[in-house]
Amino acid sequence: MPSYSDLAAAFDTVDHEILLKRLRVTFGVQSSALAWFRSYLADRTQHVRWGGKCSTPTDIICGVPQASVLGPILFIIYTADVAPKATDCRGAWTVATSIIC
């Protein structure tokens, strides 16, 4: 039976601490490189602009920057252990923003 997952919003669900731990433990990123990634994810805010007015900025506590080169790479690192756990899939591939098993 096929399973569909919309990845468009998935980028917004990446937990920064889990991602940083995975970079350190699984991929061996350490010291200044790990500090750089922490800095890249930290102190981000977002707001809504509508009709020439802006909402109050809100801190972003999870997610990776979209429309960036590094965002998709960080998402792949974050989800690196998902594919091996999909043992009931005959094959997996992506179509647009969906994974089909």
C-alpha atoms as a PDB file:
ATOM      1  CA  MET A   1       0.000   0.000   0.000  1.00  0.00           C
ATOM      2  CA  PRO A   2       1.476   3.408  -0.963  1.00  0.00           C
ATOM      3  CA  SER A   3       2.305   5.923   1.725  1.00  0.00           C
ATOM      4  CA  TYR A   4       2.397   9.618   0.877  1.00  0.00           C
ATOM      5  CA  SER A   5       4.085  12.330   2.924  1.00  0.00           C
ATOM      6  CA  ASP A   6       3.990  16.016   2.049  1.00  0.00           C
ATOM      7  CA  LEU A   7       7.496  17.362   2.607  1.00  0.00           C
ATOM      8  CA  ALA A   8       6.606  20.992   1.896  1.00  0.00           C
ATOM      9  CA  ALA A   9       5.842  21.640   5.585  1.00  0.00           C
ATOM     10  CA  ALA A  10       8.296  19.046   6.880  1.00  0.00           C
ATOM     11  CA  PHE A  11      11.209  21.489   6.625  1.00  0.00           C
ATOM     12  CA  ASP A  12       9.474  23.528   9.346  1.00  0.00           C
ATOM     13  CA  THR A  13       9.441  20.611  11.799  1.00  0.00           C
ATOM     14  CA  VAL A  14      13.195  20.011  12.098  1.00  0.00           C
ATOM     15  CA  ASP A  15      14.191  20.189  15.776  1.00  0.00           C
ATOM     16  CA  HIS A  16      17.423  22.198  15.980  1.00  0.00           C
ATOM     17  CA  GLU A  17      18.848  20.317  18.972  1.00  0.00           C
ATOM     18  CA  ILE A  18      18.211  16.913  17.389  1.00  0.00           C
ATOM     19  CA  LEU A  19      19.774  18.101  14.125  1.00  0.00           C
ATOM     20  CA  LEU A  20      22.846  19.452  15.927  1.00  0.00           C
ATOM     21  CA  LYS A  21      23.189  16.206  17.899  1.00  0.00           C
ATOM     22  CA  ARG A  22      22.928  14.189  14.677  1.00  0.00           C
ATOM     23  CA  LEU A  23      25.599  16.377  13.041  1.00  0.00           C
ATOM     24  CA  ARG A  24      27.882  15.781  16.029  1.00  0.00           C
ATOM     25  CA  VAL A  25      27.235  12.098  16.801  1.00  0.00           C
ATOM     26  CA  THR A  26      26.406  10.574  13.418  1.00  0.00           C
ATOM     27  CA  PHE A  27      28.410  12.783  11.072  1.00  0.00           C
ATOM     28  CA  GLY A  28      31.315  13.786  13.344  1.00  0.00           C
ATOM     29  CA  VAL A  29      30.885  17.554  13.025  1.00  0.00           C
ATOM     30  CA  GLN A  30      32.739  19.184  15.922  1.00  0.00           C
ATOM     31  CA  SER A  31      34.130  22.396  17.388  1.00  0.00           C
ATOM     32  CA  SER A  32      33.909  25.499  15.242  1.00  0.00           C
ATOM     33  CA  ALA A  33      31.969  23.747  12.457  1.00  0.00           C
ATOM     34  CA  LEU A  34      29.274  22.658  14.920  1.00  0.00           C
ATOM     35  CA  ALA A  35      29.243  26.172  16.402  1.00  0.00           C
ATOM     36  CA  TRP A  36      28.754  27.557  12.882  1.00  0.00           C
ATOM     37  CA  PHE A  37      25.712  25.321  12.314  1.00  0.00           C
ATOM     38  CA  ARG A  38      24.315  26.326  15.725  1.00  0.00           C
ATOM     39  CA  SER A  39      24.766  29.987  14.794  1.00  0.00           C
ATOM     40  CA  TYR A  40      23.152  29.410  11.383  1.00  0.00           C
ATOM     41  CA  LEU A  41      20.007  28.032  13.039  1.00  0.00           C
ATOM     42  CA  ALA A  42      19.878  30.395  16.033  1.00  0.00           C
ATOM     43  CA  ASP A  43      18.304  33.823  16.483  1.00  0.00           C
ATOM     44  CA  ARG A  44      15.953  33.606  13.509  1.00  0.00           C
ATOM     45  CA  THR A  45      12.587  35.334  13.461  1.00  0.00           C
ATOM     46  CA  GLN A  46       9.641  35.506  11.110  1.00  0.00           C
ATOM     47  CA  HIS A  47       6.772  37.877  10.569  1.00  0.00           C
ATOM     48  CA  VAL A  48       3.805  38.294   8.269  1.00  0.00           C
ATOM     49  CA  ARG A  49       3.431  41.277   5.989  1.00  0.00           C
ATOM     50  CA  TRP A  50      -0.107  41.924   4.820  1.00  0.00           C
ATOM     51  CA  GLY A  51      -1.558  45.084   3.348  1.00  0.00           C
ATOM     52  CA  GLY A  52       1.600  47.053   4.057  1.00  0.00           C
ATOM     53  CA  LYS A  53       1.605  46.124   7.763  1.00  0.00           C
ATOM     54  CA  CYS A  54       3.890  43.686   9.596  1.00  0.00           C
ATOM     55  CA  SER A  55       3.069  41.434  12.501  1.00  0.00           C
ATOM     56  CA  THR A  56       5.284  41.255  15.545  1.00  0.00           C
ATOM     57  CA  PRO A  57       8.363  39.099  14.836  1.00  0.00           C
ATOM     58  CA  THR A  58       8.219  35.595  16.329  1.00  0.00           C
ATOM     59  CA  ASP A  59      11.249  33.502  17.231  1.00  0.00           C
ATOM     60  CA  ILE A  60      11.797  30.437  15.071  1.00  0.00           C
ATOM     61  CA  ILE A  61      12.650  27.513  17.327  1.00  0.00           C
ATOM     62  CA  CYS A  62      12.537  24.719  14.763  1.00  0.00           C
ATOM     63  CA  GLY A  63      12.844  24.234  11.021  1.00  0.00           C
ATOM     64  CA  VAL A  64      15.560  24.779   8.463  1.00  0.00           C
ATOM     65  CA  PRO A  65      15.744  27.788   6.143  1.00  0.00           C
ATOM     66  CA  GLN A  66      13.851  27.130   2.937  1.00  0.00           C
ATOM     67  CA  ALA A  67      14.877  28.611  -0.411  1.00  0.00           C
ATOM     68  CA  SER A  68      18.491  28.129   0.629  1.00  0.00           C
ATOM     69  CA  VAL A  69      21.159  25.695  -0.517  1.00  0.00           C
ATOM     70  CA  LEU A  70      21.849  24.416   2.998  1.00  0.00           C
ATOM     71  CA  GLY A  71      18.203  23.906   4.061  1.00  0.00           C
ATOM     72  CA  PRO A  72      17.544  20.747   1.991  1.00  0.00           C
ATOM     73  CA  ILE A  73      20.938  19.298   2.957  1.00  0.00           C
ATOM     74  CA  LEU A  74      20.185  19.798   6.654  1.00  0.00           C
ATOM     75  CA  PHE A  75      16.763  18.203   6.156  1.00  0.00           C
ATOM     76  CA  ILE A  76      18.381  15.161   4.522  1.00  0.00           C
ATOM     77  CA  ILE A  77      20.816  14.877   7.439  1.00  0.00           C
ATOM     78  CA  TYR A  78      17.913  15.196   9.899  1.00  0.00           C
ATOM     79  CA  THR A  79      15.947  12.417   8.171  1.00  0.00           C
ATOM     80  CA  ALA A  80      18.939  10.201   7.331  1.00  0.00           C
ATOM     81  CA  ASP A  81      17.713   7.347   9.512  1.00  0.00           C
ATOM     82  CA  VAL A  82      14.169   7.267   8.086  1.00  0.00           C
ATOM     83  CA  ALA A  83      14.843   5.334   4.858  1.00  0.00           C
ATOM     84  CA  PRO A  84      16.491   2.298   6.509  1.00  0.00           C
ATOM     85  CA  LYS A  85      13.469   1.974   8.828  1.00  0.00           C
ATOM     86  CA  ALA A  86      11.028   1.797   5.912  1.00  0.00           C
ATOM     87  CA  THR A  87      11.519  -1.952   5.604  1.00  0.00           C
ATOM     88  CA  ASP A  88       8.037  -2.632   4.260  1.00  0.00           C
ATOM     89  CA  CYS A  89       8.612  -0.512   1.132  1.00  0.00           C
ATOM     90  CA  ARG A  90       9.285  -2.303  -2.119  1.00  0.00           C
ATOM     91  CA  GLY A  91      10.900   0.904  -3.360  1.00  0.00           C
ATOM     92  CA  ALA A  92      10.912   4.536  -2.443  1.00  0.00           C
ATOM     93  CA  TRP A  93      11.167   7.568  -4.653  1.00  0.00           C
ATOM     94  CA  THR A  94      10.146  11.197  -4.549  1.00  0.00           C
ATOM     95  CA  VAL A  95       7.642  12.949  -6.718  1.00  0.00           C
ATOM     96  CA  ALA A  96       7.624  16.726  -6.244  1.00  0.00           C
ATOM     97  CA  THR A  97       7.323  16.951  -2.465  1.00  0.00           C
ATOM     98  CA  SER A  98       6.047  13.448  -1.704  1.00  0.00           C
ATOM     99  CA  ILE A  99       7.754  10.202  -0.773  1.00  0.00           C
ATOM    100  CA  ILE A 100       6.021   7.186  -2.239  1.00  0.00           C
ATOM    101  CA  CYS A 101       6.652   3.711  -0.791  1.00  0.00           C
END
